Protein backbone atom coordinates (compact mmCIF):
# COMPACT_ATOMS: atom_id res chain seq x y z
CA UNK A 1 -22.75 -32.27 93.23
CA UNK A 2 -25.70 -34.46 92.11
CA UNK A 3 -28.75 -32.41 91.07
CA UNK A 4 -31.97 -32.84 89.09
CA UNK A 5 -33.46 -30.49 86.50
CA UNK A 6 -36.92 -30.95 87.98
CA UNK A 7 -35.89 -28.97 91.05
CA UNK A 8 -35.43 -25.82 88.97
CA UNK A 9 -37.84 -23.61 87.09
CA UNK A 10 -35.47 -21.63 84.88
CA UNK A 11 -36.44 -19.61 81.82
CA UNK A 12 -33.19 -20.27 79.96
CA UNK A 13 -30.46 -22.86 79.99
CA UNK A 14 -27.90 -20.26 81.07
CA UNK A 15 -30.07 -19.25 84.02
CA UNK A 16 -30.36 -22.91 84.97
CA UNK A 17 -26.60 -23.38 84.80
CA UNK A 18 -26.09 -20.22 86.82
CA UNK A 19 -28.39 -21.60 89.52
CA UNK A 20 -26.36 -24.83 89.54
CA UNK A 21 -23.20 -22.81 90.11
CA UNK A 22 -24.70 -20.83 93.00
CA UNK A 23 -26.12 -23.87 94.78
CA UNK A 24 -23.60 -26.63 94.13
CA UNK A 25 -20.24 -25.04 93.35
CA UNK A 26 -17.79 -25.22 90.42
CA UNK A 27 -18.40 -28.91 89.53
CA UNK A 28 -21.95 -30.19 89.04
CA UNK A 29 -23.02 -33.66 87.91
CA UNK A 30 -26.41 -34.33 86.37
CA UNK A 31 -28.05 -37.32 84.71
CA UNK A 32 -29.80 -36.84 81.38
CA UNK A 33 -31.45 -40.10 80.40
CA UNK A 34 -28.80 -42.80 80.49
CA UNK A 35 -25.96 -40.27 80.25
CA UNK A 36 -24.11 -38.34 82.91
CA UNK A 37 -23.11 -34.73 82.29
CA UNK A 38 -20.56 -32.85 84.36
CA UNK A 39 -20.74 -29.05 84.24
CA UNK A 40 -17.54 -27.11 84.95
CA UNK A 41 -17.60 -23.48 86.10
CA UNK A 42 -13.92 -22.83 86.81
CA UNK A 43 -11.70 -21.81 83.86
CA UNK A 44 -8.69 -23.43 85.53
CA UNK A 45 -10.44 -26.82 85.42
CA UNK A 46 -11.42 -26.18 81.80
CA UNK A 47 -7.83 -25.40 80.90
CA UNK A 48 -6.61 -28.61 82.53
CA UNK A 49 -9.07 -30.78 80.63
CA UNK A 50 -8.69 -29.11 77.24
CA UNK A 51 -4.94 -29.68 77.34
CA UNK A 52 -5.46 -33.22 78.57
CA UNK A 53 -7.87 -34.43 75.85
CA UNK A 54 -6.87 -33.02 72.51
CA UNK A 55 -5.78 -36.04 70.43
CA UNK A 56 -9.36 -37.02 69.67
CA UNK A 57 -11.41 -34.15 71.13
CA UNK A 58 -14.78 -35.88 71.33
CA UNK A 59 -18.13 -34.14 71.42
CA UNK A 60 -21.65 -35.55 71.21
CA UNK A 61 -23.26 -35.70 67.77
CA UNK A 62 -26.90 -34.50 67.63
CA UNK A 63 -29.29 -37.44 67.22
CA UNK A 64 -31.25 -35.37 64.70
CA UNK A 65 -28.27 -35.02 62.36
CA UNK A 66 -27.49 -38.74 62.69
CA UNK A 67 -31.08 -39.61 61.79
CA UNK A 68 -30.90 -37.40 58.68
CA UNK A 69 -27.59 -38.90 57.57
CA UNK A 70 -28.87 -42.45 58.02
CA UNK A 71 -32.17 -41.93 56.20
CA UNK A 72 -30.65 -39.96 53.32
CA UNK A 73 -27.45 -42.01 53.02
CA UNK A 74 -25.23 -38.94 53.36
CA UNK A 75 -21.97 -38.68 55.34
CA UNK A 76 -21.75 -36.44 58.37
CA UNK A 77 -19.48 -33.44 57.93
CA UNK A 78 -16.46 -32.88 60.17
CA UNK A 79 -18.64 -30.81 62.54
CA UNK A 80 -20.51 -33.95 63.60
CA UNK A 81 -17.78 -36.59 63.38
CA UNK A 82 -15.52 -38.02 66.08
CA UNK A 83 -12.35 -40.10 66.39
CA UNK A 84 -10.40 -41.02 63.27
CA UNK A 85 -13.38 -40.23 61.02
CA UNK A 86 -13.31 -36.65 62.32
CA UNK A 87 -9.59 -36.27 61.63
CA UNK A 88 -9.98 -37.62 58.10
CA UNK A 89 -12.90 -35.28 57.38
CA UNK A 90 -11.32 -32.18 58.92
CA UNK A 91 -7.70 -32.49 57.74
CA UNK A 92 -8.30 -31.57 54.06
CA UNK A 93 -10.41 -28.57 55.12
CA UNK A 94 -8.00 -27.19 57.69
CA UNK A 95 -5.05 -27.59 55.33
CA UNK A 96 -6.81 -25.13 53.05
CA UNK A 97 -8.60 -22.72 55.35
CA UNK A 98 -6.02 -22.35 58.14
CA UNK A 99 -3.23 -21.18 55.86
CA UNK A 100 -2.34 -17.52 56.54
CA UNK A 101 -3.32 -16.38 53.04
CA UNK A 102 -6.36 -18.65 52.68
CA UNK A 103 -8.87 -16.07 53.92
CA UNK A 104 -7.07 -12.85 53.01
CA UNK A 105 -7.41 -13.72 49.31
CA UNK A 106 -11.15 -13.04 49.75
CA UNK A 107 -10.57 -9.61 51.28
CA UNK A 108 -11.52 -7.55 48.22
CA UNK A 109 -14.64 -9.62 47.54
CA UNK A 110 -15.88 -9.18 51.13
CA UNK A 111 -15.23 -5.42 50.85
CA UNK A 112 -17.21 -5.28 47.59
CA UNK A 113 -20.12 -7.22 49.10
CA UNK A 114 -20.14 -4.99 52.19
CA UNK A 115 -20.17 -1.82 50.10
CA UNK A 116 -22.96 -3.23 47.96
CA UNK A 117 -24.90 -4.09 51.12
CA UNK A 118 -24.56 -0.53 52.45
CA UNK A 119 -25.59 0.85 49.07
CA UNK A 120 -28.74 -1.24 48.74
CA UNK A 121 -29.76 -1.87 52.34
CA UNK A 122 -28.65 1.33 54.16
CA UNK A 123 -28.27 4.24 51.74
CA UNK A 124 -31.29 6.52 51.88
CA UNK A 125 -32.57 4.74 54.96
CA UNK A 126 -32.59 6.02 58.51
CA UNK A 127 -32.45 2.63 60.13
CA UNK A 128 -32.14 -1.11 59.82
CA UNK A 129 -35.72 -2.01 60.66
CA UNK A 130 -34.96 -5.68 61.33
CA UNK A 131 -31.24 -5.64 62.02
CA UNK A 132 -30.68 -9.36 62.40
CA UNK A 133 -32.52 -10.13 59.15
CA UNK A 134 -30.59 -7.46 57.25
CA UNK A 135 -27.28 -8.77 58.53
CA UNK A 136 -28.29 -12.31 57.55
CA UNK A 137 -28.55 -11.06 53.97
CA UNK A 138 -25.00 -9.77 54.22
CA UNK A 139 -23.51 -12.90 55.75
CA UNK A 140 -25.41 -15.20 53.38
CA UNK A 141 -23.98 -13.30 50.44
CA UNK A 142 -20.47 -13.56 51.89
CA UNK A 143 -20.91 -17.23 52.77
CA UNK A 144 -22.29 -18.00 49.32
CA UNK A 145 -19.28 -16.36 47.72
CA UNK A 146 -16.83 -18.31 49.92
CA UNK A 147 -18.55 -21.73 50.09
CA UNK A 148 -20.66 -21.92 46.93
CA UNK A 149 -18.41 -19.94 44.59
CA UNK A 150 -21.25 -17.67 43.56
CA UNK A 151 -23.13 -14.55 44.45
CA UNK A 152 -26.63 -15.31 45.67
CA UNK A 153 -27.97 -11.85 44.85
CA UNK A 154 -29.81 -11.75 48.17
CA UNK A 155 -28.79 -8.12 48.78
CA UNK A 156 -31.22 -6.95 46.11
CA UNK A 157 -33.80 -9.73 45.93
CA UNK A 158 -35.49 -12.14 48.28
CA UNK A 159 -34.80 -15.86 48.52
CA UNK A 160 -37.21 -16.85 51.29
CA UNK A 161 -36.80 -20.60 50.86
CA UNK A 162 -33.01 -20.57 51.24
CA UNK A 163 -33.19 -18.01 54.04
CA UNK A 164 -35.71 -20.15 55.93
CA UNK A 165 -33.46 -23.16 55.39
CA UNK A 166 -30.38 -21.45 56.80
CA UNK A 167 -32.20 -20.15 59.88
CA UNK A 168 -34.32 -23.26 60.38
CA UNK A 169 -31.47 -25.78 60.58
CA UNK A 170 -29.90 -24.36 63.75
CA UNK A 171 -33.28 -23.58 65.29
CA UNK A 172 -34.48 -27.17 64.95
CA UNK A 173 -31.13 -28.66 65.93
CA UNK A 174 -31.28 -26.57 69.10
CA UNK A 175 -34.79 -27.79 69.88
CA UNK A 176 -33.70 -31.38 69.38
CA UNK A 177 -31.50 -31.20 72.48
CA UNK A 178 -34.57 -30.59 74.63
CA UNK A 179 -36.75 -33.50 73.50
CA UNK A 180 -36.57 -37.27 73.42
CA UNK A 181 -35.09 -38.51 70.10
CA UNK A 182 -38.14 -40.53 69.06
CA UNK A 183 -37.47 -39.22 65.53
CA UNK A 184 -34.58 -41.70 65.47
CA UNK A 185 -37.14 -44.51 65.50
CA UNK A 186 -39.55 -43.06 62.93
CA UNK A 187 -39.80 -39.76 61.00
CA UNK A 188 -41.93 -37.53 63.23
CA UNK A 189 -43.29 -34.16 62.06
CA UNK A 190 -40.41 -32.51 63.90
CA UNK A 191 -37.94 -34.63 61.96
CA UNK A 192 -39.71 -33.95 58.64
CA UNK A 193 -39.53 -30.21 59.29
CA UNK A 194 -35.79 -30.52 59.82
CA UNK A 195 -35.31 -32.72 56.78
CA UNK A 196 -37.12 -30.15 54.63
CA UNK A 197 -35.01 -27.14 55.64
CA UNK A 198 -31.69 -28.99 55.66
CA UNK A 199 -32.38 -30.59 52.28
CA UNK A 200 -33.19 -27.14 50.86
CA UNK A 201 -29.69 -25.94 51.70
CA UNK A 202 -28.04 -29.18 50.57
CA UNK A 203 -29.73 -28.92 47.18
CA UNK A 204 -28.42 -25.37 46.77
CA UNK A 205 -24.96 -26.67 47.58
CA UNK A 206 -25.33 -29.59 45.18
CA UNK A 207 -26.33 -27.26 42.37
CA UNK A 208 -23.33 -25.00 43.04
CA UNK A 209 -20.91 -27.93 43.14
CA UNK A 210 -22.23 -29.16 39.80
CA UNK A 211 -21.67 -25.70 38.29
CA UNK A 212 -18.15 -25.53 39.74
CA UNK A 213 -17.33 -28.98 38.39
CA UNK A 214 -18.61 -28.11 34.93
CA UNK A 215 -16.65 -24.86 34.86
CA UNK A 216 -13.41 -26.62 35.84
CA UNK A 217 -13.99 -29.31 33.20
CA UNK A 218 -14.33 -26.71 30.47
CA UNK A 219 -10.96 -25.11 31.32
CA UNK A 220 -8.08 -26.78 29.42
CA UNK A 221 -4.84 -27.81 31.11
CA UNK A 222 -3.89 -28.51 34.71
CA UNK A 223 -5.31 -25.98 37.18
CA UNK A 224 -2.94 -23.82 39.23
CA UNK A 225 -3.87 -24.57 42.84
CA UNK A 226 -3.08 -21.08 44.14
CA UNK A 227 -5.63 -19.64 41.69
CA UNK A 228 -8.40 -22.01 42.80
CA UNK A 229 -11.00 -21.16 45.40
CA UNK A 230 -11.42 -23.03 48.68
CA UNK A 231 -14.29 -25.15 47.35
CA UNK A 232 -12.56 -25.91 44.05
CA UNK A 233 -9.49 -27.21 45.88
CA UNK A 234 -11.67 -29.26 48.21
CA UNK A 235 -13.42 -30.87 45.24
CA UNK A 236 -10.07 -31.83 43.71
CA UNK A 237 -8.81 -33.46 46.92
CA UNK A 238 -8.82 -37.25 46.45
CA UNK A 239 -9.45 -37.73 50.18
CA UNK A 240 -12.86 -36.07 49.89
CA UNK A 241 -15.77 -37.88 48.27
CA UNK A 242 -18.32 -35.72 46.46
CA UNK A 243 -20.92 -36.47 49.15
CA UNK A 244 -18.52 -35.46 51.92
CA UNK A 245 -17.68 -32.22 50.12
CA UNK A 246 -21.41 -31.53 49.88
CA UNK A 247 -21.92 -32.16 53.60
CA UNK A 248 -18.90 -30.06 54.54
CA UNK A 249 -19.72 -27.11 52.33
CA UNK A 250 -23.40 -27.16 53.35
CA UNK A 251 -22.61 -27.01 57.05
CA UNK A 252 -19.96 -24.33 56.58
CA UNK A 253 -22.37 -22.24 54.51
CA UNK A 254 -25.09 -22.46 57.17
CA UNK A 255 -22.73 -21.63 60.03
CA UNK A 256 -21.07 -18.82 58.09
CA UNK A 257 -24.42 -17.21 57.34
CA UNK A 258 -26.50 -17.78 60.46
CA UNK A 259 -23.97 -17.61 63.30
CA UNK A 260 -22.02 -14.65 61.91
CA UNK A 261 -25.22 -12.64 61.42
CA UNK A 262 -26.26 -13.25 65.02
CA UNK A 263 -22.85 -12.31 66.41
CA UNK A 264 -22.80 -9.14 64.29
CA UNK A 265 -26.30 -8.28 65.52
CA UNK A 266 -25.16 -8.27 69.14
CA UNK A 267 -21.98 -6.32 68.35
CA UNK A 268 -23.98 -3.67 66.51
CA UNK A 269 -26.48 -3.48 69.37
CA UNK A 270 -23.71 -2.94 71.92
CA UNK A 271 -22.03 -0.26 69.81
CA UNK A 272 -25.35 1.54 69.25
CA UNK A 273 -26.14 1.41 72.98
CA UNK A 274 -22.72 2.73 74.03
CA UNK A 275 -21.96 5.99 72.16
CA UNK A 276 -18.71 6.62 74.04
CA UNK A 277 -17.36 3.24 72.97
CA UNK A 278 -18.51 3.94 69.42
CA UNK A 279 -16.72 7.31 69.48
CA UNK A 280 -13.45 5.72 70.59
CA UNK A 281 -13.75 3.05 67.91
CA UNK A 282 -14.50 5.67 65.24
CA UNK A 283 -11.34 7.52 66.24
CA UNK A 284 -9.31 4.32 65.83
CA UNK A 285 -10.90 3.74 62.42
CA UNK A 286 -9.98 7.25 61.28
CA UNK A 287 -6.43 6.79 62.51
CA UNK A 288 -5.87 3.39 60.91
CA UNK A 289 -7.89 3.83 57.70
CA UNK A 290 -6.47 7.01 56.23
CA UNK A 291 -8.60 8.37 53.38
CA UNK A 292 -11.03 5.53 54.09
CA UNK A 293 -8.54 3.01 52.71
CA UNK A 294 -7.94 -0.45 54.12
CA UNK A 295 -6.10 -3.60 53.11
CA UNK A 296 -5.47 -7.10 54.42
CA UNK A 297 -3.07 -5.87 57.12
CA UNK A 298 -5.19 -2.98 58.41
CA UNK A 299 -6.92 -4.90 61.18
CA UNK A 300 -3.67 -6.14 62.73
CA UNK A 301 -3.30 -2.64 64.17
CA UNK A 302 -6.86 -2.12 65.40
CA UNK A 303 -6.87 -3.46 68.99
CA UNK A 304 -9.95 -1.49 70.06
CA UNK A 305 -12.03 -2.94 67.22
CA UNK A 306 -11.06 -6.44 68.33
CA UNK A 307 -11.76 -5.53 71.97
CA UNK A 308 -15.27 -4.33 71.05
CA UNK A 309 -15.97 -7.65 69.33
CA UNK A 310 -14.54 -9.76 72.14
CA UNK A 311 -16.49 -7.87 74.81
CA UNK A 312 -19.72 -8.46 72.91
CA UNK A 313 -18.84 -12.17 72.63
CA UNK A 314 -18.27 -12.20 76.39
CA UNK A 315 -21.67 -10.67 77.14
CA UNK A 316 -23.45 -12.94 74.65
CA UNK A 317 -21.46 -16.18 74.35
CA UNK A 318 -22.30 -17.75 70.97
CA UNK A 319 -22.40 -21.39 72.09
CA UNK A 320 -25.54 -22.80 73.65
CA UNK A 321 -23.94 -24.17 76.81
CA UNK A 322 -20.24 -23.97 76.03
CA UNK A 323 -17.67 -26.35 74.62
CA UNK A 324 -18.34 -30.04 75.22
CA UNK A 325 -15.93 -32.93 75.44
CA UNK A 326 -16.32 -36.63 76.23
CA UNK A 327 -13.76 -38.01 78.66
CA UNK A 328 -11.52 -40.53 76.91
CA UNK A 329 -10.15 -42.02 80.14
CA UNK A 330 -10.85 -41.88 83.86
CA UNK A 331 -9.66 -38.57 85.26
CA UNK A 332 -9.87 -36.32 88.30
CA UNK A 333 -11.27 -32.78 88.26
CA UNK A 334 -11.22 -30.58 91.36
CA UNK A 335 -10.88 -33.71 93.49
CA UNK A 336 -13.80 -35.54 91.81
CA UNK A 337 -13.35 -38.80 89.93
CA UNK A 338 -14.78 -38.51 86.39
CA UNK A 339 -15.24 -41.89 84.65
CA UNK A 340 -14.47 -42.54 81.01
CA UNK A 341 -17.35 -41.71 78.66
CA UNK A 342 -18.72 -38.84 80.76
CA UNK A 343 -19.65 -35.71 78.82
CA UNK A 344 -18.04 -32.55 80.18
CA UNK A 345 -19.75 -29.20 79.59
CA UNK A 346 -17.52 -26.14 79.91
CA UNK A 347 -19.91 -23.41 81.11
CA UNK A 348 -18.26 -20.32 79.66
CA UNK A 349 -21.70 -18.72 79.26
CA UNK A 350 -21.83 -18.55 83.07
CA UNK A 351 -18.15 -17.84 83.69
CA UNK A 352 -18.19 -14.86 81.31
CA UNK A 353 -20.78 -13.05 83.44
CA UNK A 354 -19.43 -14.14 86.83
CA UNK A 355 -18.20 -11.21 88.94
CA UNK A 356 -15.53 -13.49 90.42
CA UNK A 357 -13.85 -13.44 87.01
CA UNK A 358 -15.09 -10.15 85.53
CA UNK A 359 -15.61 -7.03 87.65
CA UNK A 360 -18.86 -5.27 86.72
CA UNK A 361 -19.70 -8.27 84.54
CA UNK A 362 -22.87 -6.92 82.89
CA UNK A 363 -21.21 -3.71 81.66
CA UNK A 364 -19.97 -3.42 78.07
CA UNK A 365 -16.36 -2.37 78.63
CA UNK A 366 -14.03 -3.19 75.72
CA UNK A 367 -11.18 -1.55 77.64
CA UNK A 368 -10.90 -4.65 79.80
CA UNK A 369 -9.35 -6.46 76.79
CA UNK A 370 -6.81 -3.76 75.91
CA UNK A 371 -3.14 -4.46 76.43
CA UNK A 372 -1.88 -2.63 79.50
CA UNK A 373 -5.30 -2.56 81.14
CA UNK A 374 -5.23 -3.69 84.81
CA UNK A 375 -8.47 -5.57 84.14
CA UNK A 376 -6.93 -7.63 81.35
CA UNK A 377 -4.26 -9.01 83.67
CA UNK A 378 -6.99 -10.54 85.85
CA UNK A 379 -8.78 -12.38 83.00
CA UNK A 380 -8.19 -16.11 82.86
CA UNK A 381 -7.36 -17.12 79.26
CA UNK A 382 -9.98 -19.90 79.35
CA UNK A 383 -12.81 -17.79 80.78
CA UNK A 384 -14.09 -16.79 77.32
CA UNK A 385 -13.92 -19.29 74.44
CA UNK A 386 -16.32 -18.02 71.76
CA UNK A 387 -14.67 -20.02 68.98
CA UNK A 388 -13.84 -23.12 71.00
CA UNK A 389 -10.27 -24.23 71.53
CA UNK A 390 -7.51 -26.35 70.06
CA UNK A 391 -7.91 -28.90 67.31
CA UNK A 392 -11.70 -28.65 67.47
CA UNK A 393 -11.98 -24.87 67.37
CA UNK A 394 -14.23 -23.08 64.87
CA UNK A 395 -12.63 -23.72 61.50
CA UNK A 396 -14.34 -20.69 59.96
CA UNK A 397 -13.15 -18.23 62.62
CA UNK A 398 -10.84 -16.25 60.34
CA UNK A 399 -13.46 -15.73 57.66
CA UNK A 400 -16.08 -14.74 60.26
CA UNK A 401 -13.68 -12.21 61.80
CA UNK A 402 -12.82 -10.81 58.37
CA UNK A 403 -16.52 -10.20 57.67
CA UNK A 404 -17.05 -8.55 61.05
CA UNK A 405 -14.00 -6.30 60.81
CA UNK A 406 -14.83 -5.05 57.33
CA UNK A 407 -18.52 -4.50 58.05
CA UNK A 408 -18.01 -2.58 61.30
CA UNK A 409 -15.35 -0.33 59.79
CA UNK A 410 -17.28 0.37 56.59
CA UNK A 411 -20.53 1.03 58.47
CA UNK A 412 -19.01 3.42 61.03
CA UNK A 413 -17.11 5.29 58.34
CA UNK A 414 -20.49 6.23 56.88
CA UNK A 415 -22.87 6.31 59.83
CA UNK A 416 -23.11 6.73 63.55
CA UNK A 417 -25.50 4.18 65.01
CA UNK A 418 -27.95 4.41 67.89
CA UNK A 419 -31.05 2.79 69.35
CA UNK A 420 -34.58 4.14 69.62
CA UNK A 421 -34.14 4.21 73.40
CA UNK A 422 -30.91 4.37 75.37
CA UNK A 423 -32.47 2.01 77.93
CA UNK A 424 -33.32 -0.61 75.31
CA UNK A 425 -32.41 -4.21 76.11
CA UNK A 426 -32.02 -7.09 73.69
CA UNK A 427 -33.11 -10.46 75.09
CA UNK A 428 -31.67 -13.53 73.45
CA UNK A 429 -32.13 -17.26 73.47
CA UNK A 430 -30.15 -20.23 72.25
CA UNK A 431 -30.91 -22.51 69.36
CA UNK A 432 -27.47 -24.08 69.12
CA UNK A 433 -26.11 -20.53 69.05
CA UNK A 434 -27.18 -17.27 70.65
CA UNK A 435 -29.99 -15.58 68.70
CA UNK A 436 -31.89 -12.31 69.32
CA UNK A 437 -35.33 -13.09 70.77
CA UNK A 438 -37.04 -10.21 68.98
CA UNK A 439 -36.61 -7.84 66.10
CA UNK A 440 -34.68 -4.67 66.87
CA UNK A 441 -33.91 -1.53 64.91
CA UNK A 442 -30.60 0.30 64.66
CA UNK A 443 -30.86 3.98 63.71
CA UNK A 444 -28.41 5.28 61.11
CA UNK A 445 -27.17 8.87 61.16
CA UNK A 446 -25.17 9.85 58.08
CA UNK A 447 -21.81 11.32 59.03
CA UNK A 448 -21.06 14.76 57.66
CA UNK A 449 -18.39 15.21 55.02
CA UNK A 450 -17.96 11.49 54.57
CA UNK A 451 -17.74 10.84 50.84
CA UNK A 452 -17.63 7.08 51.07
């Protein structure tokens, strides 16, 4: 159970974790500095612990983000808080964004942005030359609309500074996990690089909040809450200071743009690589979207679309090493005593490609998620957790899924997609989240008789 990283020469963290699983079994303990980590590779153990520790679901806060907050006198957003501070920072946000109609009210705007994206970035082209970069334009525009209350215009013009800021924050945060936090003692070059990119995005948020505040001040009378946007309502909430709103909106904007673009990149790659899957999905789209029409309820009846997305998330789990929790009290896992304060790492990135849980685990088979499939009955519900779980799950999940659903449907209504080679592979690495390791192109073939 007790192992050392120095014994392993692994190219990626997931490979390292996979080697732990093979050599030491489903529970592995490892020391990192003064801290013990326990890696769990059995979804049954994960289920037990997630249900056991959900009052204050603790997770480690990156030292790099703490250093920035301290030096710039800014509050951490809910993503990096714990205990009562986390509840107080998250509650106003979840009261707004988790309501059933909170995301659907943006449906038409996401459709309009997607159609504009296809018009300017795809029409007349035979391919997305740099697919991940193109999709980042789309998700930044959507995220700007939702979080910043404005269109960034990045579909038709470049904004390299903001784009570098969005992509740089997660990249540098990911690197910070693999180095000693000497930047906590003094501002190293690494820290200054992070401060530069994160401040770039915060300043864009600050400017947008000032514009929103001015616009609301100019409108006479009491505002009708149901007519206000997510960010407007957050700004009016007395529980949220202006600085905390800025931190919250900044982090949601970055995650909404960067993570969603990466997830969409892998989904599009898998669809382009698997023409039979794409054909089945196109048939579902034609059946559910008569005359190319869709509304807020369309996707409730598109199980194959959701299966395609979930299977891609299984093959490329978004989280760097899975969900993390800190044990709030002494407990027992698989017969092992786990002391209070230990950090647990739920290794879904390994479980999701383990043949013990998924037959033919490297194959892209959306059918395994379809209701009635014999394969679905064998899947443990805690084997794949792309959006986390429980009170600490991804708060932007619904908006991310809305973007993905609309984009995939609108794209496949117009084009069939393929790769330059049917044998093409797409390596990826983790910053905090899974990211393509190289540029890749997706070929676009205009569908005949599709006037959309």
